[in-house]
Amino acid sequence: MVAHKILVIDDSKVIRMRVKDMLPDGNFEVIEAKNGLEGFNLINTEQPNLIMLDFLLPKMSGWEVYQEIQKRPELKVIPLVLMSGRKEEVTEKLTEPFELFSFIEKPFDQKQLIDAIKDAMAKARKHPKVVAPPAQDVSGDLSGGGAANDVAALQKRIDRLESEVETLKKQMSQLVSFIKQKLK
């Protein structure tokens, strides 16, 4: 039985194979996806313990996959290593320091890969774990249920606000890029 699943989402077969070959021997299975859509579907069906995500992908970009991961608390806790040959494309959309994931610039060697994985795991441990809301007491005392409903409503608002902040960040980044282009 495999203890850990590592999902490598990259349109380059060479990169997928390199990552597989660079990983130390261990009790894990490497799952590969050649585009963002396939990768996102595998995240949902395979429930990997680690995601290695290329930023530039066909069908669904790494940026879009990242945004979908951030919308779902149960996916946000999975350690994530974002990969790209051009760091500036990542920093246009996501500002440093990267707190939610680890970043590795292509090409990379085995030590850089292992360090990025360790960093991603440490960052993932900082995320609050997803906890199911407490069950309502059906014995007539609904005071706990009201609090659970309030917490769920607040969590929905927080999720919506985080989504709006991400959208605003993206728009601001696009605006800055546009202004920089006009100033050239």
N, C-alpha and C. Protein backbone atom coordinates (compact mmCIF):
# COMPACT_ATOMS: atom_id res chain seq x y z
N MET A 1 0.84 -1.20 0.00
CA MET A 1 0.00 0.00 0.00
C MET A 1 0.87 1.24 0.00
N VAL A 2 0.53 2.18 -0.87
CA VAL A 2 1.28 3.42 -1.00
C VAL A 2 0.83 4.39 0.09
N ALA A 3 1.80 4.95 0.82
CA ALA A 3 1.47 5.86 1.91
C ALA A 3 1.24 7.28 1.41
N HIS A 4 1.96 7.70 0.37
CA HIS A 4 1.87 9.08 -0.09
C HIS A 4 1.72 9.14 -1.60
N LYS A 5 0.90 10.10 -2.04
CA LYS A 5 0.73 10.33 -3.48
C LYS A 5 1.27 11.70 -3.82
N ILE A 6 2.11 11.77 -4.84
CA ILE A 6 2.65 13.04 -5.32
C ILE A 6 2.10 13.26 -6.72
N LEU A 7 1.41 14.37 -6.90
CA LEU A 7 0.85 14.71 -8.20
C LEU A 7 1.75 15.74 -8.87
N VAL A 8 2.26 15.39 -10.07
CA VAL A 8 3.11 16.29 -10.84
C VAL A 8 2.30 16.75 -12.05
N ILE A 9 1.99 18.04 -12.10
CA ILE A 9 1.21 18.61 -13.19
C ILE A 9 2.13 19.49 -14.03
N ASP A 10 2.52 18.97 -15.19
CA ASP A 10 3.43 19.70 -16.08
C ASP A 10 3.20 19.20 -17.50
N ASP A 11 3.18 20.11 -18.47
CA ASP A 11 2.96 19.70 -19.85
C ASP A 11 4.21 19.11 -20.48
N SER A 12 5.34 19.19 -19.80
CA SER A 12 6.58 18.60 -20.30
C SER A 12 6.80 17.21 -19.69
N LYS A 13 6.80 16.21 -20.54
CA LYS A 13 7.05 14.84 -20.08
C LYS A 13 8.44 14.74 -19.45
N VAL A 14 9.40 15.51 -20.00
CA VAL A 14 10.77 15.51 -19.47
C VAL A 14 10.77 15.98 -18.01
N ILE A 15 10.05 17.05 -17.72
CA ILE A 15 9.99 17.56 -16.34
C ILE A 15 9.32 16.54 -15.43
N ARG A 16 8.22 15.97 -15.89
CA ARG A 16 7.52 14.97 -15.06
C ARG A 16 8.44 13.80 -14.74
N MET A 17 9.18 13.34 -15.74
CA MET A 17 10.10 12.21 -15.52
C MET A 17 11.27 12.62 -14.63
N ARG A 18 11.78 13.86 -14.81
CA ARG A 18 12.89 14.34 -13.97
C ARG A 18 12.48 14.39 -12.51
N VAL A 19 11.29 14.93 -12.27
CA VAL A 19 10.81 15.00 -10.89
C VAL A 19 10.72 13.60 -10.30
N LYS A 20 10.15 12.69 -11.05
CA LYS A 20 10.00 11.30 -10.60
C LYS A 20 11.36 10.68 -10.28
N ASP A 21 12.33 10.92 -11.18
CA ASP A 21 13.67 10.35 -10.99
C ASP A 21 14.43 11.00 -9.84
N MET A 22 14.16 12.28 -9.57
CA MET A 22 14.88 13.00 -8.51
C MET A 22 14.36 12.70 -7.11
N LEU A 23 13.15 12.22 -7.03
CA LEU A 23 12.59 11.94 -5.71
C LEU A 23 13.33 10.77 -5.07
N PRO A 24 13.64 10.91 -3.78
CA PRO A 24 14.32 9.80 -3.11
C PRO A 24 13.40 8.58 -3.01
N ASP A 25 14.00 7.43 -2.86
CA ASP A 25 13.20 6.21 -2.70
C ASP A 25 12.32 6.37 -1.47
N GLY A 26 11.11 5.94 -1.60
CA GLY A 26 10.19 6.07 -0.47
C GLY A 26 8.89 5.38 -0.76
N ASN A 27 8.02 5.44 0.20
CA ASN A 27 6.73 4.78 0.11
C ASN A 27 5.69 5.74 -0.48
N PHE A 28 5.88 6.08 -1.78
CA PHE A 28 4.94 6.97 -2.43
C PHE A 28 4.76 6.62 -3.89
N GLU A 29 3.68 7.17 -4.44
CA GLU A 29 3.33 6.96 -5.84
C GLU A 29 3.30 8.32 -6.52
N VAL A 30 3.91 8.40 -7.71
CA VAL A 30 3.89 9.64 -8.47
C VAL A 30 2.79 9.53 -9.53
N ILE A 31 1.89 10.49 -9.49
CA ILE A 31 0.79 10.57 -10.46
C ILE A 31 1.11 11.75 -11.37
N GLU A 32 0.92 11.57 -12.68
CA GLU A 32 1.28 12.62 -13.63
C GLU A 32 0.05 13.15 -14.36
N ALA A 33 0.09 14.46 -14.63
CA ALA A 33 -0.94 15.11 -15.45
C ALA A 33 -0.23 16.02 -16.44
N LYS A 34 -0.70 16.02 -17.70
CA LYS A 34 -0.02 16.79 -18.74
C LYS A 34 -0.66 18.14 -19.03
N ASN A 35 -1.76 18.46 -18.35
CA ASN A 35 -2.37 19.78 -18.49
C ASN A 35 -3.11 20.13 -17.20
N GLY A 36 -3.49 21.39 -17.08
CA GLY A 36 -4.11 21.86 -15.85
C GLY A 36 -5.45 21.23 -15.54
N LEU A 37 -6.26 21.03 -16.56
CA LEU A 37 -7.58 20.45 -16.35
C LEU A 37 -7.47 19.01 -15.83
N GLU A 38 -6.62 18.23 -16.48
CA GLU A 38 -6.39 16.85 -16.03
C GLU A 38 -5.83 16.86 -14.60
N GLY A 39 -4.91 17.78 -14.34
CA GLY A 39 -4.31 17.87 -13.00
C GLY A 39 -5.34 18.22 -11.94
N PHE A 40 -6.20 19.20 -12.24
CA PHE A 40 -7.20 19.59 -11.25
C PHE A 40 -8.18 18.45 -10.99
N ASN A 41 -8.55 17.73 -12.03
CA ASN A 41 -9.43 16.56 -11.84
C ASN A 41 -8.75 15.51 -10.97
N LEU A 42 -7.44 15.29 -11.16
CA LEU A 42 -6.70 14.31 -10.35
C LEU A 42 -6.57 14.78 -8.90
N ILE A 43 -6.46 16.09 -8.69
CA ILE A 43 -6.42 16.60 -7.31
C ILE A 43 -7.68 16.16 -6.58
N ASN A 44 -8.81 16.28 -7.26
CA ASN A 44 -10.10 15.94 -6.65
C ASN A 44 -10.30 14.45 -6.47
N THR A 45 -9.82 13.64 -7.43
CA THR A 45 -10.09 12.20 -7.35
C THR A 45 -9.01 11.43 -6.58
N GLU A 46 -7.77 11.85 -6.68
CA GLU A 46 -6.67 11.08 -6.08
C GLU A 46 -6.29 11.56 -4.69
N GLN A 47 -6.69 12.77 -4.32
CA GLN A 47 -6.36 13.34 -3.01
C GLN A 47 -4.87 13.18 -2.69
N PRO A 48 -4.01 13.87 -3.47
CA PRO A 48 -2.56 13.72 -3.27
C PRO A 48 -2.09 14.34 -1.97
N ASN A 49 -0.90 13.89 -1.52
CA ASN A 49 -0.28 14.44 -0.32
C ASN A 49 0.62 15.62 -0.66
N LEU A 50 0.94 15.77 -1.95
CA LEU A 50 1.79 16.87 -2.42
C LEU A 50 1.43 17.15 -3.87
N ILE A 51 1.38 18.45 -4.22
CA ILE A 51 1.10 18.84 -5.60
C ILE A 51 2.29 19.63 -6.12
N MET A 52 2.80 19.23 -7.27
CA MET A 52 3.85 19.98 -7.97
C MET A 52 3.19 20.51 -9.23
N LEU A 53 3.07 21.84 -9.32
CA LEU A 53 2.24 22.48 -10.34
C LEU A 53 3.05 23.44 -11.20
N ASP A 54 3.08 23.17 -12.51
CA ASP A 54 3.68 24.10 -13.46
C ASP A 54 2.74 25.30 -13.59
N PHE A 55 3.30 26.49 -13.76
CA PHE A 55 2.48 27.70 -13.83
C PHE A 55 1.86 27.90 -15.21
N LEU A 56 2.58 27.50 -16.26
CA LEU A 56 2.08 27.68 -17.62
C LEU A 56 1.67 26.33 -18.18
N LEU A 57 0.37 26.13 -18.32
CA LEU A 57 -0.17 24.84 -18.75
C LEU A 57 -1.26 25.04 -19.79
N PRO A 58 -1.46 24.05 -20.66
CA PRO A 58 -2.60 24.12 -21.58
C PRO A 58 -3.90 23.71 -20.89
N LYS A 59 -5.01 24.05 -21.50
CA LYS A 59 -6.39 23.71 -21.09
C LYS A 59 -6.84 24.44 -19.83
N MET A 60 -6.00 24.50 -18.83
CA MET A 60 -6.27 25.24 -17.60
C MET A 60 -4.91 25.61 -17.05
N SER A 61 -4.63 26.89 -16.94
CA SER A 61 -3.28 27.31 -16.53
C SER A 61 -3.01 26.94 -15.08
N GLY A 62 -1.75 26.92 -14.72
CA GLY A 62 -1.37 26.69 -13.33
C GLY A 62 -1.96 27.76 -12.41
N TRP A 63 -2.05 28.98 -12.93
CA TRP A 63 -2.64 30.08 -12.16
C TRP A 63 -4.11 29.76 -11.86
N GLU A 64 -4.84 29.25 -12.86
CA GLU A 64 -6.25 28.91 -12.66
C GLU A 64 -6.40 27.74 -11.69
N VAL A 65 -5.52 26.74 -11.81
CA VAL A 65 -5.55 25.61 -10.88
C VAL A 65 -5.29 26.11 -9.46
N TYR A 66 -4.30 26.98 -9.31
CA TYR A 66 -3.96 27.55 -8.00
C TYR A 66 -5.17 28.28 -7.41
N GLN A 67 -5.85 29.08 -8.23
CA GLN A 67 -7.02 29.81 -7.75
C GLN A 67 -8.13 28.86 -7.28
N GLU A 68 -8.33 27.77 -8.02
CA GLU A 68 -9.35 26.80 -7.63
C GLU A 68 -8.97 26.11 -6.32
N ILE A 69 -7.69 25.82 -6.15
CA ILE A 69 -7.22 25.20 -4.90
C ILE A 69 -7.50 26.15 -3.73
N GLN A 70 -7.23 27.43 -3.92
CA GLN A 70 -7.40 28.40 -2.84
C GLN A 70 -8.86 28.61 -2.45
N LYS A 71 -9.78 28.26 -3.31
CA LYS A 71 -11.22 28.40 -3.01
C LYS A 71 -11.73 27.30 -2.08
N ARG A 72 -10.97 26.22 -1.98
CA ARG A 72 -11.46 25.05 -1.24
C ARG A 72 -10.55 24.75 -0.05
N PRO A 73 -11.04 24.94 1.17
CA PRO A 73 -10.21 24.75 2.36
C PRO A 73 -9.56 23.37 2.43
N GLU A 74 -10.27 22.34 1.96
CA GLU A 74 -9.71 20.98 2.04
C GLU A 74 -8.54 20.79 1.07
N LEU A 75 -8.45 21.63 0.03
CA LEU A 75 -7.32 21.54 -0.91
C LEU A 75 -6.19 22.46 -0.51
N LYS A 76 -6.50 23.56 0.17
CA LYS A 76 -5.47 24.53 0.58
C LYS A 76 -4.44 23.92 1.53
N VAL A 77 -4.81 22.86 2.23
CA VAL A 77 -3.90 22.26 3.21
C VAL A 77 -2.90 21.29 2.57
N ILE A 78 -3.07 21.00 1.27
CA ILE A 78 -2.14 20.09 0.58
C ILE A 78 -0.88 20.88 0.23
N PRO A 79 0.30 20.39 0.62
CA PRO A 79 1.54 21.08 0.27
C PRO A 79 1.62 21.28 -1.24
N LEU A 80 2.04 22.49 -1.66
CA LEU A 80 2.07 22.86 -3.07
C LEU A 80 3.43 23.43 -3.44
N VAL A 81 4.01 22.88 -4.51
CA VAL A 81 5.24 23.42 -5.08
C VAL A 81 4.88 23.95 -6.46
N LEU A 82 5.02 25.25 -6.63
CA LEU A 82 4.74 25.88 -7.92
C LEU A 82 6.05 25.93 -8.70
N MET A 83 5.99 25.49 -9.97
CA MET A 83 7.20 25.44 -10.82
C MET A 83 7.02 26.36 -12.02
N SER A 84 8.10 27.03 -12.41
CA SER A 84 8.06 27.83 -13.63
C SER A 84 9.47 28.12 -14.10
N GLY A 85 9.60 28.23 -15.41
CA GLY A 85 10.89 28.62 -15.99
C GLY A 85 11.07 30.12 -15.95
N ARG A 86 9.99 30.84 -15.67
CA ARG A 86 10.05 32.31 -15.64
C ARG A 86 9.36 32.82 -14.38
N LYS A 87 10.15 33.08 -13.37
CA LYS A 87 9.61 33.52 -12.08
C LYS A 87 8.79 34.80 -12.20
N GLU A 88 9.18 35.70 -13.13
CA GLU A 88 8.46 36.97 -13.25
C GLU A 88 7.00 36.77 -13.65
N GLU A 89 6.69 35.68 -14.36
CA GLU A 89 5.29 35.42 -14.70
C GLU A 89 4.48 35.05 -13.47
N VAL A 90 5.14 34.40 -12.52
CA VAL A 90 4.48 34.04 -11.27
C VAL A 90 4.30 35.29 -10.41
N THR A 91 5.36 36.10 -10.30
CA THR A 91 5.29 37.28 -9.42
C THR A 91 4.39 38.38 -9.98
N GLU A 92 4.02 38.29 -11.25
CA GLU A 92 3.02 39.23 -11.79
C GLU A 92 1.66 38.99 -11.15
N LYS A 93 1.39 37.75 -10.80
CA LYS A 93 0.07 37.39 -10.26
C LYS A 93 0.10 37.16 -8.75
N LEU A 94 1.23 36.69 -8.24
CA LEU A 94 1.36 36.37 -6.82
C LEU A 94 2.59 37.09 -6.26
N THR A 95 2.39 37.91 -5.25
CA THR A 95 3.51 38.67 -4.71
C THR A 95 4.33 37.85 -3.73
N GLU A 96 5.61 38.15 -3.70
CA GLU A 96 6.50 37.49 -2.74
C GLU A 96 6.40 38.23 -1.41
N PRO A 97 6.72 37.63 -0.29
CA PRO A 97 7.15 36.24 -0.16
C PRO A 97 5.96 35.30 -0.31
N PHE A 98 6.23 34.16 -0.90
CA PHE A 98 5.19 33.17 -1.12
C PHE A 98 4.92 32.45 0.20
N GLU A 99 3.76 32.69 0.78
CA GLU A 99 3.44 32.12 2.09
C GLU A 99 2.62 30.85 2.02
N LEU A 100 1.90 30.66 0.90
CA LEU A 100 0.99 29.52 0.80
C LEU A 100 1.59 28.33 0.08
N PHE A 101 2.73 28.52 -0.58
CA PHE A 101 3.33 27.46 -1.38
C PHE A 101 4.82 27.71 -1.49
N SER A 102 5.50 26.71 -2.01
CA SER A 102 6.93 26.85 -2.29
C SER A 102 7.08 27.07 -3.79
N PHE A 103 8.10 27.81 -4.18
CA PHE A 103 8.35 28.07 -5.60
C PHE A 103 9.72 27.51 -5.98
N ILE A 104 9.77 26.87 -7.17
CA ILE A 104 11.04 26.38 -7.68
C ILE A 104 11.13 26.78 -9.15
N GLU A 105 12.27 27.36 -9.50
CA GLU A 105 12.46 27.82 -10.87
C GLU A 105 13.13 26.72 -11.69
N LYS A 106 12.59 26.49 -12.88
CA LYS A 106 13.15 25.49 -13.79
C LYS A 106 14.33 26.10 -14.54
N PRO A 107 15.32 25.36 -14.87
CA PRO A 107 15.59 23.98 -14.45
C PRO A 107 16.08 23.95 -13.00
N PHE A 108 15.89 22.82 -12.35
CA PHE A 108 16.30 22.68 -10.96
C PHE A 108 17.00 21.34 -10.78
N ASP A 109 17.78 21.27 -9.69
CA ASP A 109 18.48 20.01 -9.40
C ASP A 109 17.76 19.31 -8.25
N GLN A 110 18.27 18.14 -7.89
CA GLN A 110 17.61 17.33 -6.86
C GLN A 110 17.55 18.03 -5.51
N LYS A 111 18.63 18.70 -5.12
CA LYS A 111 18.65 19.38 -3.82
C LYS A 111 17.60 20.49 -3.80
N GLN A 112 17.50 21.26 -4.88
CA GLN A 112 16.49 22.33 -4.94
C GLN A 112 15.08 21.75 -4.86
N LEU A 113 14.87 20.63 -5.53
CA LEU A 113 13.56 19.98 -5.50
C LEU A 113 13.20 19.53 -4.08
N ILE A 114 14.13 18.85 -3.43
CA ILE A 114 13.88 18.35 -2.07
C ILE A 114 13.64 19.52 -1.11
N ASP A 115 14.44 20.59 -1.25
CA ASP A 115 14.27 21.77 -0.39
C ASP A 115 12.89 22.41 -0.61
N ALA A 116 12.46 22.48 -1.88
CA ALA A 116 11.15 23.06 -2.19
C ALA A 116 10.03 22.22 -1.58
N ILE A 117 10.16 20.91 -1.66
CA ILE A 117 9.14 20.02 -1.09
C ILE A 117 9.08 20.19 0.43
N LYS A 118 10.24 20.24 1.09
CA LYS A 118 10.27 20.43 2.55
C LYS A 118 9.64 21.77 2.92
N ASP A 119 9.96 22.82 2.14
CA ASP A 119 9.41 24.15 2.39
C ASP A 119 7.88 24.15 2.22
N ALA A 120 7.40 23.49 1.16
CA ALA A 120 5.96 23.41 0.92
C ALA A 120 5.25 22.68 2.07
N MET A 121 5.87 21.63 2.57
CA MET A 121 5.27 20.88 3.68
C MET A 121 5.22 21.73 4.95
N ALA A 122 6.27 22.49 5.20
CA ALA A 122 6.29 23.37 6.37
C ALA A 122 5.22 24.45 6.25
N LYS A 123 5.07 25.02 5.07
CA LYS A 123 4.05 26.07 4.86
C LYS A 123 2.65 25.49 4.99
N ALA A 124 2.44 24.29 4.50
CA ALA A 124 1.12 23.66 4.58
C ALA A 124 0.72 23.39 6.04
N ARG A 125 1.71 23.09 6.88
CA ARG A 125 1.40 22.83 8.29
C ARG A 125 0.87 24.09 8.99
N LYS A 126 1.16 25.26 8.44
CA LYS A 126 0.70 26.51 9.03
C LYS A 126 -0.77 26.79 8.74
N HIS A 127 -1.32 26.12 7.71
CA HIS A 127 -2.74 26.32 7.37
C HIS A 127 -3.60 25.68 8.43
N PRO A 128 -4.69 26.34 8.78
CA PRO A 128 -5.61 25.68 9.73
C PRO A 128 -6.22 24.44 9.07
N LYS A 129 -6.31 23.40 9.83
CA LYS A 129 -6.88 22.16 9.32
C LYS A 129 -8.40 22.31 9.18
N VAL A 130 -8.94 21.63 8.20
CA VAL A 130 -10.38 21.67 7.97
C VAL A 130 -11.06 20.79 9.01
N VAL A 131 -11.98 21.40 9.75
CA VAL A 131 -12.70 20.66 10.79
C VAL A 131 -14.18 20.75 10.47
N ALA A 132 -14.84 19.61 10.53
CA ALA A 132 -16.28 19.58 10.27
C ALA A 132 -16.99 20.34 11.38
N PRO A 133 -18.03 21.10 11.05
CA PRO A 133 -18.78 21.81 12.10
C PRO A 133 -19.43 20.81 13.05
N PRO A 134 -19.59 21.17 14.31
CA PRO A 134 -20.21 20.24 15.26
C PRO A 134 -21.65 19.95 14.88
N ALA A 135 -22.06 18.72 15.14
CA ALA A 135 -23.43 18.32 14.84
C ALA A 135 -24.39 19.05 15.77
N GLN A 136 -25.56 19.38 15.24
CA GLN A 136 -26.55 20.06 16.08
C GLN A 136 -27.12 19.08 17.10
N ASP A 137 -27.40 19.62 18.26
CA ASP A 137 -28.02 18.84 19.31
C ASP A 137 -29.52 18.75 19.02
N VAL A 138 -30.01 17.55 18.79
CA VAL A 138 -31.42 17.37 18.45
C VAL A 138 -32.30 17.14 19.68
N SER A 139 -31.74 17.29 20.87
CA SER A 139 -32.53 17.04 22.08
C SER A 139 -33.36 18.25 22.49
N GLY A 140 -33.37 19.28 21.66
CA GLY A 140 -34.17 20.45 21.98
C GLY A 140 -33.32 21.67 22.28
N ASP A 141 -32.07 21.49 22.72
CA ASP A 141 -31.17 22.61 22.99
C ASP A 141 -30.44 22.96 21.69
N LEU A 142 -30.92 24.03 21.04
CA LEU A 142 -30.34 24.41 19.75
C LEU A 142 -29.30 25.51 19.88
N SER A 143 -28.87 25.83 21.09
CA SER A 143 -27.91 26.92 21.25
C SER A 143 -26.60 26.60 20.55
N GLY A 144 -26.14 25.36 20.59
CA GLY A 144 -24.91 24.97 19.89
C GLY A 144 -25.07 25.03 18.40
N GLY A 145 -26.29 24.67 17.91
CA GLY A 145 -26.55 24.70 16.47
C GLY A 145 -26.51 26.11 15.93
N GLY A 146 -27.02 27.07 16.70
CA GLY A 146 -26.99 28.47 16.28
C GLY A 146 -25.56 28.96 16.13
N ALA A 147 -24.72 28.60 17.06
CA ALA A 147 -23.32 29.00 17.00
C ALA A 147 -22.65 28.35 15.79
N ALA A 148 -22.96 27.09 15.53
CA ALA A 148 -22.37 26.39 14.38
C ALA A 148 -22.80 27.06 13.08
N ASN A 149 -24.08 27.47 13.02
CA ASN A 149 -24.57 28.17 11.84
C ASN A 149 -23.88 29.51 11.66
N ASP A 150 -23.67 30.21 12.79
CA ASP A 150 -22.98 31.50 12.73
C ASP A 150 -21.54 31.32 12.22
N VAL A 151 -20.87 30.30 12.72
CA VAL A 151 -19.50 30.02 12.28
C VAL A 151 -19.48 29.68 10.79
N ALA A 152 -20.42 28.86 10.35
CA ALA A 152 -20.48 28.49 8.93
C ALA A 152 -20.74 29.73 8.07
N ALA A 153 -21.64 30.60 8.52
CA ALA A 153 -21.93 31.83 7.77
C ALA A 153 -20.70 32.73 7.71
N LEU A 154 -20.01 32.85 8.84
CA LEU A 154 -18.78 33.66 8.86
C LEU A 154 -17.72 33.07 7.94
N GLN A 155 -17.60 31.76 7.94
CA GLN A 155 -16.60 31.12 7.07
C GLN A 155 -16.92 31.38 5.61
N LYS A 156 -18.22 31.34 5.26
CA LYS A 156 -18.62 31.64 3.88
C LYS A 156 -18.23 33.06 3.51
N ARG A 157 -18.48 34.00 4.44
CA ARG A 157 -18.11 35.40 4.18
C ARG A 157 -16.61 35.55 4.03
N ILE A 158 -15.84 34.87 4.88
CA ILE A 158 -14.38 34.93 4.79
C ILE A 158 -13.93 34.39 3.44
N ASP A 159 -14.47 33.24 3.04
CA ASP A 159 -14.10 32.64 1.75
C ASP A 159 -14.42 33.59 0.60
N ARG A 160 -15.61 34.22 0.66
CA ARG A 160 -15.99 35.15 -0.40
C ARG A 160 -15.05 36.36 -0.42
N LEU A 161 -14.73 36.89 0.78
CA LEU A 161 -13.84 38.04 0.86
C LEU A 161 -12.43 37.70 0.35
N GLU A 162 -11.94 36.51 0.70
CA GLU A 162 -10.62 36.08 0.21
C GLU A 162 -10.63 35.98 -1.30
N SER A 163 -11.71 35.48 -1.86
CA SER A 163 -11.83 35.39 -3.31
C SER A 163 -11.83 36.78 -3.93
N GLU A 164 -12.56 37.70 -3.32
CA GLU A 164 -12.59 39.07 -3.82
C GLU A 164 -11.22 39.74 -3.73
N VAL A 165 -10.51 39.49 -2.65
CA VAL A 165 -9.16 40.05 -2.50
C VAL A 165 -8.24 39.52 -3.60
N GLU A 166 -8.33 38.21 -3.87
CA GLU A 166 -7.51 37.62 -4.94
C GLU A 166 -7.84 38.26 -6.29
N THR A 167 -9.12 38.48 -6.54
CA THR A 167 -9.53 39.13 -7.79
C THR A 167 -8.97 40.55 -7.86
N LEU A 168 -9.05 41.28 -6.74
CA LEU A 168 -8.51 42.64 -6.71
C LEU A 168 -6.99 42.64 -6.92
N LYS A 169 -6.30 41.69 -6.32
CA LYS A 169 -4.85 41.57 -6.52
C LYS A 169 -4.54 41.36 -7.99
N LYS A 170 -5.30 40.47 -8.63
CA LYS A 170 -5.09 40.18 -10.04
C LYS A 170 -5.33 41.44 -10.87
N GLN A 171 -6.42 42.13 -10.58
CA GLN A 171 -6.73 43.34 -11.33
C GLN A 171 -5.65 44.40 -11.12
N MET A 172 -5.17 44.55 -9.89
CA MET A 172 -4.12 45.52 -9.59
C MET A 172 -2.85 45.16 -10.35
N SER A 173 -2.51 43.88 -10.37
CA SER A 173 -1.32 43.43 -11.09
C SER A 173 -1.45 43.73 -12.58
N GLN A 174 -2.62 43.49 -13.14
CA GLN A 174 -2.86 43.79 -14.55
C GLN A 174 -2.76 45.28 -14.81
N LEU A 175 -3.29 46.09 -13.90
CA LEU A 175 -3.23 47.54 -14.04
C LEU A 175 -1.79 48.03 -13.99
N VAL A 176 -1.01 47.52 -13.06
CA VAL A 176 0.41 47.90 -12.95
C VAL A 176 1.15 47.50 -14.22
N SER A 177 0.91 46.30 -14.72
CA SER A 177 1.54 45.85 -15.97
C SER A 177 1.17 46.77 -17.13
N PHE A 178 -0.10 47.16 -17.20
CA PHE A 178 -0.57 48.04 -18.26
C PHE A 178 0.13 49.40 -18.17
N ILE A 179 0.22 49.94 -16.96
CA ILE A 179 0.87 51.25 -16.77
C ILE A 179 2.36 51.16 -17.13
N LYS A 180 3.02 50.08 -16.72
CA LYS A 180 4.44 49.89 -17.06
C LYS A 180 4.63 49.86 -18.57
N GLN A 181 3.72 49.18 -19.27
CA GLN A 181 3.81 49.10 -20.74
C GLN A 181 3.65 50.49 -21.35
N LYS A 182 2.74 51.27 -20.85
CA LYS A 182 2.47 52.60 -21.40
C LYS A 182 3.63 53.56 -21.12
N LEU A 183 4.36 53.32 -20.03
CA LEU A 183 5.48 54.19 -19.67
C LEU A 183 6.73 53.91 -20.48
N LYS A 184 6.78 52.76 -21.15
CA LYS A 184 7.97 52.39 -21.92
C LYS A 184 8.08 53.20 -23.17
